[in-house]
Amino acid sequence: MPEAKILMSREATIATFKIVGVGTFQQAGGFKTAYTQLLAEGVTDFIIDLGECEMLDSTLLGTILGLALKVRQSGTGKVHAIRLNEVVRSLFRGTGLDQIFEMTEPR
């Protein structure tokens, strides 16, 4: 199973994380460090691009959830999960994460 890569880009107050491959606990720490820094720098909106993600393990999924909860607690901004394949979409539905994330493409 190939290890995932998480690619990050930023434009003003919007950051995009693109998960490529199979996302596991091995990327969770770096992902959390990156989003914590971005929040401290004033980023308010996050896009999680899952178009090239084959699967997520529970640790990385929980870390993504942690980001969504921090953004929700701040009262500003949103976290969008975009381009989910059926496997990942079903994982979001099965865990109730589809109720927490904006599942539509941001403007």
PDB file of N, CA and C in Angstrom:
ATOM      1  N   MET A   1       0.850  -1.179   0.000  1.00  0.00           N
ATOM      2  CA  MET A   1       0.000   0.000   0.000  1.00  0.00           C
ATOM      3  C   MET A   1       0.895   1.241   0.000  1.00  0.00           C
ATOM      4  N   PRO A   2       0.785   2.074  -1.023  1.00  0.00           N
ATOM      5  CA  PRO A   2       1.642   3.262  -1.084  1.00  0.00           C
ATOM      6  C   PRO A   2       1.262   4.276  -0.012  1.00  0.00           C
ATOM      7  N   GLU A   3       2.274   4.887   0.574  1.00  0.00           N
ATOM      8  CA  GLU A   3       2.032   5.898   1.597  1.00  0.00           C
ATOM      9  C   GLU A   3       1.480   7.152   0.952  1.00  0.00           C
ATOM     10  N   ALA A   4       0.627   7.819   1.674  1.00  0.00           N
ATOM     11  CA  ALA A   4       0.001   9.041   1.164  1.00  0.00           C
ATOM     12  C   ALA A   4       0.952  10.216   1.246  1.00  0.00           C
ATOM     13  N   LYS A   5       0.618  11.203   0.472  1.00  0.00           N
ATOM     14  CA  LYS A   5       1.264  12.502   0.560  1.00  0.00           C
ATOM     15  C   LYS A   5       0.154  13.503   0.847  1.00  0.00           C
ATOM     16  N   ILE A   6       0.479  14.479   1.664  1.00  0.00           N
ATOM     17  CA  ILE A   6      -0.457  15.578   1.883  1.00  0.00           C
ATOM     18  C   ILE A   6       0.216  16.836   1.370  1.00  0.00           C
ATOM     19  N   LEU A   7      -0.373  17.414   0.341  1.00  0.00           N
ATOM     20  CA  LEU A   7       0.164  18.619  -0.272  1.00  0.00           C
ATOM     21  C   LEU A   7      -0.649  19.812   0.219  1.00  0.00           C
ATOM     22  N   MET A   8       0.035  20.904   0.553  1.00  0.00           N
ATOM     23  CA  MET A   8      -0.656  22.059   1.100  1.00  0.00           C
ATOM     24  C   MET A   8      -0.381  23.276   0.240  1.00  0.00           C
ATOM     25  N   SER A   9      -1.420  24.076   0.040  1.00  0.00           N
ATOM     26  CA  SER A   9      -1.261  25.374  -0.608  1.00  0.00           C
ATOM     27  C   SER A   9      -2.113  26.381   0.152  1.00  0.00           C
ATOM     28  N   ARG A  10      -1.756  27.636   0.007  1.00  0.00           N
ATOM     29  CA  ARG A  10      -2.478  28.679   0.741  1.00  0.00           C
ATOM     30  C   ARG A  10      -2.636  29.902  -0.132  1.00  0.00           C
ATOM     31  N   GLU A  11      -3.820  30.509  -0.036  1.00  0.00           N
ATOM     32  CA  GLU A  11      -4.087  31.777  -0.696  1.00  0.00           C
ATOM     33  C   GLU A  11      -4.848  32.640   0.294  1.00  0.00           C
ATOM     34  N   ALA A  12      -4.178  33.631   0.844  1.00  0.00           N
ATOM     35  CA  ALA A  12      -4.753  34.539   1.855  1.00  0.00           C
ATOM     36  C   ALA A  12      -5.247  33.742   3.064  1.00  0.00           C
ATOM     37  N   THR A  13      -6.560  33.748   3.309  1.00  0.00           N
ATOM     38  CA  THR A  13      -7.095  33.067   4.492  1.00  0.00           C
ATOM     39  C   THR A  13      -7.684  31.698   4.177  1.00  0.00           C
ATOM     40  N   ILE A  14      -7.318  31.153   3.011  1.00  0.00           N
ATOM     41  CA  ILE A  14      -7.819  29.830   2.610  1.00  0.00           C
ATOM     42  C   ILE A  14      -6.634  28.897   2.395  1.00  0.00           C
ATOM     43  N   ALA A  15      -6.674  27.749   3.054  1.00  0.00           N
ATOM     44  CA  ALA A  15      -5.629  26.743   2.871  1.00  0.00           C
ATOM     45  C   ALA A  15      -6.269  25.481   2.295  1.00  0.00           C
ATOM     46  N   THR A  16      -5.550  24.848   1.388  1.00  0.00           N
ATOM     47  CA  THR A  16      -6.008  23.607   0.780  1.00  0.00           C
ATOM     48  C   THR A  16      -5.021  22.499   1.102  1.00  0.00           C
ATOM     49  N   PHE A  17      -5.547  21.385   1.606  1.00  0.00           N
ATOM     50  CA  PHE A  17      -4.758  20.183   1.824  1.00  0.00           C
ATOM     51  C   PHE A  17      -5.263  19.133   0.842  1.00  0.00           C
ATOM     52  N   LYS A  18      -4.361  18.628   0.018  1.00  0.00           N
ATOM     53  CA  LYS A  18      -4.712  17.592  -0.945  1.00  0.00           C
ATOM     54  C   LYS A  18      -4.087  16.288  -0.473  1.00  0.00           C
ATOM     55  N   ILE A  19      -4.938  15.305  -0.203  1.00  0.00           N
ATOM     56  CA  ILE A  19      -4.459  14.004   0.270  1.00  0.00           C
ATOM     57  C   ILE A  19      -4.402  13.062  -0.924  1.00  0.00           C
ATOM     58  N   VAL A  20      -3.214  12.535  -1.170  1.00  0.00           N
ATOM     59  CA  VAL A  20      -2.980  11.655  -2.312  1.00  0.00           C
ATOM     60  C   VAL A  20      -2.608  10.271  -1.794  1.00  0.00           C
ATOM     61  N   GLY A  21      -3.304   9.235  -2.258  1.00  0.00           N
ATOM     62  CA  GLY A  21      -3.004   7.868  -1.839  1.00  0.00           C
ATOM     63  C   GLY A  21      -3.838   7.447  -0.645  1.00  0.00           C
ATOM     64  N   VAL A  22      -3.254   6.622   0.204  1.00  0.00           N
ATOM     65  CA  VAL A  22      -3.934   6.104   1.395  1.00  0.00           C
ATOM     66  C   VAL A  22      -3.442   6.892   2.606  1.00  0.00           C
ATOM     67  N   GLY A  23      -4.324   7.704   3.175  1.00  0.00           N
ATOM     68  CA  GLY A  23      -3.963   8.540   4.320  1.00  0.00           C
ATOM     69  C   GLY A  23      -3.976   7.738   5.611  1.00  0.00           C
ATOM     70  N   THR A  24      -2.854   7.797   6.356  1.00  0.00           N
ATOM     71  CA  THR A  24      -2.738   7.012   7.585  1.00  0.00           C
ATOM     72  C   THR A  24      -2.237   7.867   8.744  1.00  0.00           C
ATOM     73  N   PHE A  25      -2.103   7.210   9.872  1.00  0.00           N
ATOM     74  CA  PHE A  25      -1.589   7.841  11.088  1.00  0.00           C
ATOM     75  C   PHE A  25      -0.218   8.476  10.847  1.00  0.00           C
ATOM     76  N   GLN A  26       0.511   8.009   9.856  1.00  0.00           N
ATOM     77  CA  GLN A  26       1.853   8.532   9.596  1.00  0.00           C
ATOM     78  C   GLN A  26       1.828   9.988   9.147  1.00  0.00           C
ATOM     79  N   GLN A  27       0.743  10.441   8.571  1.00  0.00           N
ATOM     80  CA  GLN A  27       0.640  11.834   8.146  1.00  0.00           C
ATOM     81  C   GLN A  27      -0.076  12.709   9.171  1.00  0.00           C
ATOM     82  N   ALA A  28      -0.716  12.110  10.165  1.00  0.00           N
ATOM     83  CA  ALA A  28      -1.574  12.856  11.097  1.00  0.00           C
ATOM     84  C   ALA A  28      -0.821  13.935  11.867  1.00  0.00           C
ATOM     85  N   GLY A  29       0.358  13.627  12.386  1.00  0.00           N
ATOM     86  CA  GLY A  29       1.109  14.602  13.180  1.00  0.00           C
ATOM     87  C   GLY A  29       1.514  15.815  12.373  1.00  0.00           C
ATOM     88  N   GLY A  30       2.038  15.586  11.171  1.00  0.00           N
ATOM     89  CA  GLY A  30       2.439  16.693  10.304  1.00  0.00           C
ATOM     90  C   GLY A  30       1.253  17.532   9.864  1.00  0.00           C
ATOM     91  N   PHE A  31       0.137  16.864   9.597  1.00  0.00           N
ATOM     92  CA  PHE A  31      -1.082  17.571   9.203  1.00  0.00           C
ATOM     93  C   PHE A  31      -1.554  18.482  10.337  1.00  0.00           C
ATOM     94  N   LYS A  32      -1.573  17.955  11.563  1.00  0.00           N
ATOM     95  CA  LYS A  32      -2.025  18.749  12.716  1.00  0.00           C
ATOM     96  C   LYS A  32      -1.093  19.936  12.963  1.00  0.00           C
ATOM     97  N   THR A  33       0.215  19.705  12.865  1.00  0.00           N
ATOM     98  CA  THR A  33       1.178  20.794  13.042  1.00  0.00           C
ATOM     99  C   THR A  33       0.941  21.886  12.006  1.00  0.00           C
ATOM    100  N   ALA A  34       0.712  21.479  10.755  1.00  0.00           N
ATOM    101  CA  ALA A  34       0.491  22.452   9.678  1.00  0.00           C
ATOM    102  C   ALA A  34      -0.786  23.253   9.898  1.00  0.00           C
ATOM    103  N   TYR A  35      -1.895  22.579  10.221  1.00  0.00           N
ATOM    104  CA  TYR A  35      -3.137  23.352  10.362  1.00  0.00           C
ATOM    105  C   TYR A  35      -3.128  24.206  11.616  1.00  0.00           C
ATOM    106  N   THR A  36      -2.441  23.774  12.657  1.00  0.00           N
ATOM    107  CA  THR A  36      -2.345  24.587  13.874  1.00  0.00           C
ATOM    108  C   THR A  36      -1.596  25.880  13.573  1.00  0.00           C
ATOM    109  N   GLN A  37      -0.515  25.784  12.811  1.00  0.00           N
ATOM    110  CA  GLN A  37       0.254  26.963  12.416  1.00  0.00           C
ATOM    111  C   GLN A  37      -0.582  27.886  11.537  1.00  0.00           C
ATOM    112  N   LEU A  38      -1.310  27.305  10.599  1.00  0.00           N
ATOM    113  CA  LEU A  38      -2.149  28.115   9.708  1.00  0.00           C
ATOM    114  C   LEU A  38      -3.244  28.841  10.483  1.00  0.00           C
ATOM    115  N   LEU A  39      -3.860  28.168  11.445  1.00  0.00           N
ATOM    116  CA  LEU A  39      -4.870  28.831  12.281  1.00  0.00           C
ATOM    117  C   LEU A  39      -4.251  30.009  13.030  1.00  0.00           C
ATOM    118  N   ALA A  40      -3.041  29.812  13.568  1.00  0.00           N
ATOM    119  CA  ALA A  40      -2.355  30.882  14.296  1.00  0.00           C
ATOM    120  C   ALA A  40      -2.026  32.059  13.384  1.00  0.00           C
ATOM    121  N   GLU A  41      -1.840  31.783  12.091  1.00  0.00           N
ATOM    122  CA  GLU A  41      -1.525  32.835  11.119  1.00  0.00           C
ATOM    123  C   GLU A  41      -2.773  33.503  10.547  1.00  0.00           C
ATOM    124  N   GLY A  42      -3.953  33.097  10.991  1.00  0.00           N
ATOM    125  CA  GLY A  42      -5.179  33.754  10.560  1.00  0.00           C
ATOM    126  C   GLY A  42      -5.942  33.073   9.441  1.00  0.00           C
ATOM    127  N   VAL A  43      -5.537  31.867   9.064  1.00  0.00           N
ATOM    128  CA  VAL A  43      -6.316  31.142   8.058  1.00  0.00           C
ATOM    129  C   VAL A  43      -7.642  30.753   8.698  1.00  0.00           C
ATOM    130  N   THR A  44      -8.745  30.986   7.977  1.00  0.00           N
ATOM    131  CA  THR A  44     -10.065  30.692   8.524  1.00  0.00           C
ATOM    132  C   THR A  44     -10.788  29.574   7.782  1.00  0.00           C
ATOM    133  N   ASP A  45     -10.461  29.391   6.514  1.00  0.00           N
ATOM    134  CA  ASP A  45     -11.166  28.403   5.708  1.00  0.00           C
ATOM    135  C   ASP A  45     -10.186  27.351   5.186  1.00  0.00           C
ATOM    136  N   PHE A  46     -10.640  26.118   5.238  1.00  0.00           N
ATOM    137  CA  PHE A  46      -9.802  25.004   4.816  1.00  0.00           C
ATOM    138  C   PHE A  46     -10.556  24.146   3.813  1.00  0.00           C
ATOM    139  N   ILE A  47      -9.832  23.703   2.811  1.00  0.00           N
ATOM    140  CA  ILE A  47     -10.375  22.780   1.819  1.00  0.00           C
ATOM    141  C   ILE A  47      -9.570  21.495   1.926  1.00  0.00           C
ATOM    142  N   ILE A  48     -10.260  20.380   2.140  1.00  0.00           N
ATOM    143  CA  ILE A  48      -9.620  19.069   2.161  1.00  0.00           C
ATOM    144  C   ILE A  48      -9.992  18.415   0.833  1.00  0.00           C
ATOM    145  N   ASP A  49      -9.025  18.347  -0.070  1.00  0.00           N
ATOM    146  CA  ASP A  49      -9.241  17.793  -1.407  1.00  0.00           C
ATOM    147  C   ASP A  49      -8.929  16.299  -1.363  1.00  0.00           C
ATOM    148  N   LEU A  50      -9.970  15.494  -1.521  1.00  0.00           N
ATOM    149  CA  LEU A  50      -9.830  14.044  -1.424  1.00  0.00           C
ATOM    150  C   LEU A  50      -9.972  13.364  -2.781  1.00  0.00           C
ATOM    151  N   GLY A  51      -9.804  14.128  -3.851  1.00  0.00           N
ATOM    152  CA  GLY A  51      -9.973  13.596  -5.195  1.00  0.00           C
ATOM    153  C   GLY A  51      -8.994  12.500  -5.568  1.00  0.00           C
ATOM    154  N   GLU A  52      -7.826  12.486  -4.934  1.00  0.00           N
ATOM    155  CA  GLU A  52      -6.833  11.454  -5.216  1.00  0.00           C
ATOM    156  C   GLU A  52      -6.567  10.580  -3.993  1.00  0.00           C
ATOM    157  N   CYS A  53      -7.465  10.650  -3.017  1.00  0.00           N
ATOM    158  CA  CYS A  53      -7.335   9.854  -1.790  1.00  0.00           C
ATOM    159  C   CYS A  53      -8.066   8.528  -1.978  1.00  0.00           C
ATOM    160  N   GLU A  54      -7.355   7.444  -1.757  1.00  0.00           N
ATOM    161  CA  GLU A  54      -7.957   6.119  -1.906  1.00  0.00           C
ATOM    162  C   GLU A  54      -8.697   5.686  -0.647  1.00  0.00           C
ATOM    163  N   MET A  55      -8.160   6.061   0.524  1.00  0.00           N
ATOM    164  CA  MET A  55      -8.752   5.647   1.801  1.00  0.00           C
ATOM    165  C   MET A  55      -8.095   6.463   2.904  1.00  0.00           C
ATOM    166  N   LEU A  56      -8.785   6.610   4.041  1.00  0.00           N
ATOM    167  CA  LEU A  56      -8.257   7.273   5.228  1.00  0.00           C
ATOM    168  C   LEU A  56      -8.368   6.326   6.405  1.00  0.00           C
ATOM    169  N   ASP A  57      -7.323   6.247   7.233  1.00  0.00           N
ATOM    170  CA  ASP A  57      -7.465   5.459   8.448  1.00  0.00           C
ATOM    171  C   ASP A  57      -8.100   6.322   9.541  1.00  0.00           C
ATOM    172  N   SER A  58      -8.446   5.695  10.646  1.00  0.00           N
ATOM    173  CA  SER A  58      -9.190   6.401  11.694  1.00  0.00           C
ATOM    174  C   SER A  58      -8.369   7.518  12.336  1.00  0.00           C
ATOM    175  N   THR A  59      -7.053   7.369  12.404  1.00  0.00           N
ATOM    176  CA  THR A  59      -6.233   8.412  13.022  1.00  0.00           C
ATOM    177  C   THR A  59      -6.229   9.682  12.189  1.00  0.00           C
ATOM    178  N   LEU A  60      -5.984   9.562  10.896  1.00  0.00           N
ATOM    179  CA  LEU A  60      -5.981  10.754  10.047  1.00  0.00           C
ATOM    180  C   LEU A  60      -7.386  11.332   9.937  1.00  0.00           C
ATOM    181  N   LEU A  61      -8.375  10.474   9.874  1.00  0.00           N
ATOM    182  CA  LEU A  61      -9.756  10.949   9.838  1.00  0.00           C
ATOM    183  C   LEU A  61     -10.074  11.742  11.111  1.00  0.00           C
ATOM    184  N   GLY A  62      -9.633  11.249  12.255  1.00  0.00           N
ATOM    185  CA  GLY A  62      -9.837  11.954  13.521  1.00  0.00           C
ATOM    186  C   GLY A  62      -9.104  13.284  13.566  1.00  0.00           C
ATOM    187  N   THR A  63      -7.934  13.341  12.954  1.00  0.00           N
ATOM    188  CA  THR A  63      -7.159  14.584  12.909  1.00  0.00           C
ATOM    189  C   THR A  63      -7.856  15.615  12.024  1.00  0.00           C
ATOM    190  N   ILE A  64      -8.427  15.160  10.921  1.00  0.00           N
ATOM    191  CA  ILE A  64      -9.209  16.056  10.055  1.00  0.00           C
ATOM    192  C   ILE A  64     -10.437  16.556  10.813  1.00  0.00           C
ATOM    193  N   LEU A  65     -11.073  15.674  11.564  1.00  0.00           N
ATOM    194  CA  LEU A  65     -12.209  16.063  12.392  1.00  0.00           C
ATOM    195  C   LEU A  65     -11.782  17.114  13.417  1.00  0.00           C
ATOM    196  N   GLY A  66     -10.593  16.940  14.004  1.00  0.00           N
ATOM    197  CA  GLY A  66     -10.078  17.921  14.967  1.00  0.00           C
ATOM    198  C   GLY A  66      -9.971  19.305  14.359  1.00  0.00           C
ATOM    199  N   LEU A  67      -9.517  19.382  13.111  1.00  0.00           N
ATOM    200  CA  LEU A  67      -9.463  20.666  12.415  1.00  0.00           C
ATOM    201  C   LEU A  67     -10.861  21.256  12.284  1.00  0.00           C
ATOM    202  N   ALA A  68     -11.812  20.445  11.855  1.00  0.00           N
ATOM    203  CA  ALA A  68     -13.182  20.937  11.667  1.00  0.00           C
ATOM    204  C   ALA A  68     -13.760  21.459  12.982  1.00  0.00           C
ATOM    205  N   LEU A  69     -13.489  20.770  14.075  1.00  0.00           N
ATOM    206  CA  LEU A  69     -14.008  21.211  15.373  1.00  0.00           C
ATOM    207  C   LEU A  69     -13.355  22.513  15.828  1.00  0.00           C
ATOM    208  N   LYS A  70     -12.049  22.658  15.587  1.00  0.00           N
ATOM    209  CA  LYS A  70     -11.371  23.913  15.946  1.00  0.00           C
ATOM    210  C   LYS A  70     -11.933  25.088  15.146  1.00  0.00           C
ATOM    211  N   VAL A  71     -12.167  24.872  13.854  1.00  0.00           N
ATOM    212  CA  VAL A  71     -12.719  25.938  13.021  1.00  0.00           C
ATOM    213  C   VAL A  71     -14.131  26.269  13.487  1.00  0.00           C
ATOM    214  N   ARG A  72     -14.916  25.257  13.795  1.00  0.00           N
ATOM    215  CA  ARG A  72     -16.283  25.485  14.268  1.00  0.00           C
ATOM    216  C   ARG A  72     -16.268  26.265  15.582  1.00  0.00           C
ATOM    217  N   GLN A  73     -15.366  25.908  16.500  1.00  0.00           N
ATOM    218  CA  GLN A  73     -15.280  26.599  17.792  1.00  0.00           C
ATOM    219  C   GLN A  73     -14.887  28.060  17.622  1.00  0.00           C
ATOM    220  N   SER A  74     -14.102  28.353  16.594  1.00  0.00           N
ATOM    221  CA  SER A  74     -13.653  29.733  16.379  1.00  0.00           C
ATOM    222  C   SER A  74     -14.813  30.635  15.964  1.00  0.00           C
ATOM    223  N   GLY A  75     -15.871  30.026  15.411  1.00  0.00           N
ATOM    224  CA  GLY A  75     -17.034  30.796  15.000  1.00  0.00           C
ATOM    225  C   GLY A  75     -16.887  31.462  13.643  1.00  0.00           C
ATOM    226  N   THR A  76     -15.715  31.333  13.033  1.00  0.00           N
ATOM    227  CA  THR A  76     -15.503  31.891  11.689  1.00  0.00           C
ATOM    228  C   THR A  76     -14.908  30.802  10.817  1.00  0.00           C
ATOM    229  N   GLY A  77     -15.201  30.868   9.552  1.00  0.00           N
ATOM    230  CA  GLY A  77     -14.608  29.929   8.620  1.00  0.00           C
ATOM    231  C   GLY A  77     -15.360  28.620   8.504  1.00  0.00           C
ATOM    232  N   LYS A  78     -14.887  27.796   7.579  1.00  0.00           N
ATOM    233  CA  LYS A  78     -15.486  26.491   7.314  1.00  0.00           C
ATOM    234  C   LYS A  78     -14.401  25.537   6.863  1.00  0.00           C
ATOM    235  N   VAL A  79     -14.721  24.257   6.955  1.00  0.00           N
ATOM    236  CA  VAL A  79     -13.863  23.221   6.394  1.00  0.00           C
ATOM    237  C   VAL A  79     -14.694  22.494   5.345  1.00  0.00           C
ATOM    238  N   HIS A  80     -14.191  22.488   4.122  1.00  0.00           N
ATOM    239  CA  HIS A  80     -14.862  21.823   3.008  1.00  0.00           C
ATOM    240  C   HIS A  80     -14.125  20.535   2.687  1.00  0.00           C
ATOM    241  N   ALA A  81     -14.854  19.451   2.545  1.00  0.00           N
ATOM    242  CA  ALA A  81     -14.292  18.200   2.027  1.00  0.00           C
ATOM    243  C   ALA A  81     -14.797  18.080   0.595  1.00  0.00           C
ATOM    244  N   ILE A  82     -13.863  18.034  -0.366  1.00  0.00           N
ATOM    245  CA  ILE A  82     -14.269  18.042  -1.769  1.00  0.00           C
ATOM    246  C   ILE A  82     -13.720  16.826  -2.511  1.00  0.00           C
ATOM    247  N   ARG A  83     -14.378  16.519  -3.620  1.00  0.00           N
ATOM    248  CA  ARG A  83     -13.962  15.478  -4.561  1.00  0.00           C
ATOM    249  C   ARG A  83     -13.793  14.108  -3.904  1.00  0.00           C
ATOM    250  N   LEU A  84     -14.734  13.724  -3.045  1.00  0.00           N
ATOM    251  CA  LEU A  84     -14.666  12.425  -2.373  1.00  0.00           C
ATOM    252  C   LEU A  84     -15.079  11.321  -3.339  1.00  0.00           C
ATOM    253  N   ASN A  85     -14.293  10.256  -3.380  1.00  0.00           N
ATOM    254  CA  ASN A  85     -14.731   9.090  -4.152  1.00  0.00           C
ATOM    255  C   ASN A  85     -15.762   8.334  -3.313  1.00  0.00           C
ATOM    256  N   GLU A  86     -16.360   7.315  -3.867  1.00  0.00           N
ATOM    257  CA  GLU A  86     -17.431   6.602  -3.146  1.00  0.00           C
ATOM    258  C   GLU A  86     -16.940   5.924  -1.871  1.00  0.00           C
ATOM    259  N   VAL A  87     -15.711   5.406  -1.865  1.00  0.00           N
ATOM    260  CA  VAL A  87     -15.171   4.749  -0.665  1.00  0.00           C
ATOM    261  C   VAL A  87     -15.044   5.762   0.470  1.00  0.00           C
ATOM    262  N   VAL A  88     -14.443   6.908   0.179  1.00  0.00           N
ATOM    263  CA  VAL A  88     -14.240   7.928   1.211  1.00  0.00           C
ATOM    264  C   VAL A  88     -15.575   8.562   1.597  1.00  0.00           C
ATOM    265  N   ARG A  89     -16.452   8.794   0.628  1.00  0.00           N
ATOM    266  CA  ARG A  89     -17.780   9.351   0.936  1.00  0.00           C
ATOM    267  C   ARG A  89     -18.543   8.415   1.873  1.00  0.00           C
ATOM    268  N   SER A  90     -18.467   7.128   1.615  1.00  0.00           N
ATOM    269  CA  SER A  90     -19.156   6.163   2.461  1.00  0.00           C
ATOM    270  C   SER A  90     -18.554   6.138   3.865  1.00  0.00           C
ATOM    271  N   LEU A  91     -17.243   6.342   3.964  1.00  0.00           N
ATOM    272  CA  LEU A  91     -16.578   6.433   5.271  1.00  0.00           C
ATOM    273  C   LEU A  91     -17.086   7.661   6.028  1.00  0.00           C
ATOM    274  N   PHE A  92     -17.216   8.788   5.345  1.00  0.00           N
ATOM    275  CA  PHE A  92     -17.736  10.011   5.970  1.00  0.00           C
ATOM    276  C   PHE A  92     -19.182   9.799   6.429  1.00  0.00           C
ATOM    277  N   ARG A  93     -19.984   9.164   5.592  1.00  0.00           N
ATOM    278  CA  ARG A  93     -21.388   8.909   5.967  1.00  0.00           C
ATOM    279  C   ARG A  93     -21.479   7.956   7.157  1.00  0.00           C
ATOM    280  N   GLY A  94     -20.701   6.897   7.116  1.00  0.00           N
ATOM    281  CA  GLY A  94     -20.754   5.875   8.158  1.00  0.00           C
ATOM    282  C   GLY A  94     -20.319   6.369   9.519  1.00  0.00           C
ATOM    283  N   THR A  95     -19.468   7.376   9.544  1.00  0.00           N
ATOM    284  CA  THR A  95     -18.982   7.917  10.817  1.00  0.00           C
ATOM    285  C   THR A  95     -19.708   9.201  11.223  1.00  0.00           C
ATOM    286  N   GLY A  96     -20.622   9.674  10.372  1.00  0.00           N
ATOM    287  CA  GLY A  96     -21.355  10.899  10.673  1.00  0.00           C
ATOM    288  C   GLY A  96     -20.599  12.167  10.320  1.00  0.00           C
ATOM    289  N   LEU A  97     -19.422  12.033   9.714  1.00  0.00           N
ATOM    290  CA  LEU A  97     -18.641  13.218   9.368  1.00  0.00           C
ATOM    291  C   LEU A  97     -19.288  14.044   8.269  1.00  0.00           C
ATOM    292  N   ASP A  98     -20.177  13.433   7.512  1.00  0.00           N
ATOM    293  CA  ASP A  98     -20.880  14.199   6.475  1.00  0.00           C
ATOM    294  C   ASP A  98     -21.772  15.267   7.100  1.00  0.00           C
ATOM    295  N   GLN A  99     -22.074  15.143   8.397  1.00  0.00           N
ATOM    296  CA  GLN A  99     -22.875  16.146   9.099  1.00  0.00           C
ATOM    297  C   GLN A  99     -22.030  17.306   9.608  1.00  0.00           C
ATOM    298  N   ILE A 100     -20.705  17.119   9.651  1.00  0.00           N
ATOM    299  CA  ILE A 100     -19.792  18.123  10.219  1.00  0.00           C
ATOM    300  C   ILE A 100     -19.118  18.949   9.136  1.00  0.00           C
ATOM    301  N   PHE A 101     -18.780  18.310   8.030  1.00  0.00           N
ATOM    302  CA  PHE A 101     -18.055  18.963   6.957  1.00  0.00           C
ATOM    303  C   PHE A 101     -19.005  19.541   5.916  1.00  0.00           C
ATOM    304  N   GLU A 102     -18.588  20.647   5.314  1.00  0.00           N
ATOM    305  CA  GLU A 102     -19.256  21.158   4.134  1.00  0.00           C
ATOM    306  C   GLU A 102     -18.846  20.202   3.003  1.00  0.00           C
ATOM    307  N   MET A 103     -19.817  19.531   2.410  1.00  0.00           N
ATOM    308  CA  MET A 103     -19.505  18.523   1.402  1.00  0.00           C
ATOM    309  C   MET A 103     -19.693  19.046  -0.014  1.00  0.00           C
ATOM    310  N   THR A 104     -19.855  20.340  -0.161  1.00  0.00           N
ATOM    311  CA  THR A 104     -20.017  20.911  -1.488  1.00  0.00           C
ATOM    312  C   THR A 104     -18.759  21.702  -1.827  1.00  0.00           C
ATOM    313  N   GLU A 105     -18.604  21.964  -3.083  1.00  0.00           N
ATOM    314  CA  GLU A 105     -17.429  22.730  -3.536  1.00  0.00           C
ATOM    315  C   GLU A 105     -17.546  24.162  -3.029  1.00  0.00           C
ATOM    316  N   PRO A 106     -16.462  24.693  -2.450  1.00  0.00           N
ATOM    317  CA  PRO A 106     -16.519  26.100  -1.998  1.00  0.00           C
ATOM    318  C   PRO A 106     -16.533  27.030  -3.191  1.00  0.00           C
ATOM    319  N   ARG A 107     -16.992  28.244  -2.979  1.00  0.00           N
ATOM    320  CA  ARG A 107     -17.022  29.243  -4.064  1.00  0.00           C
ATOM    321  C   ARG A 107     -15.672  29.890  -4.209  1.00  0.00           C
TER     322      ARG A 107
END
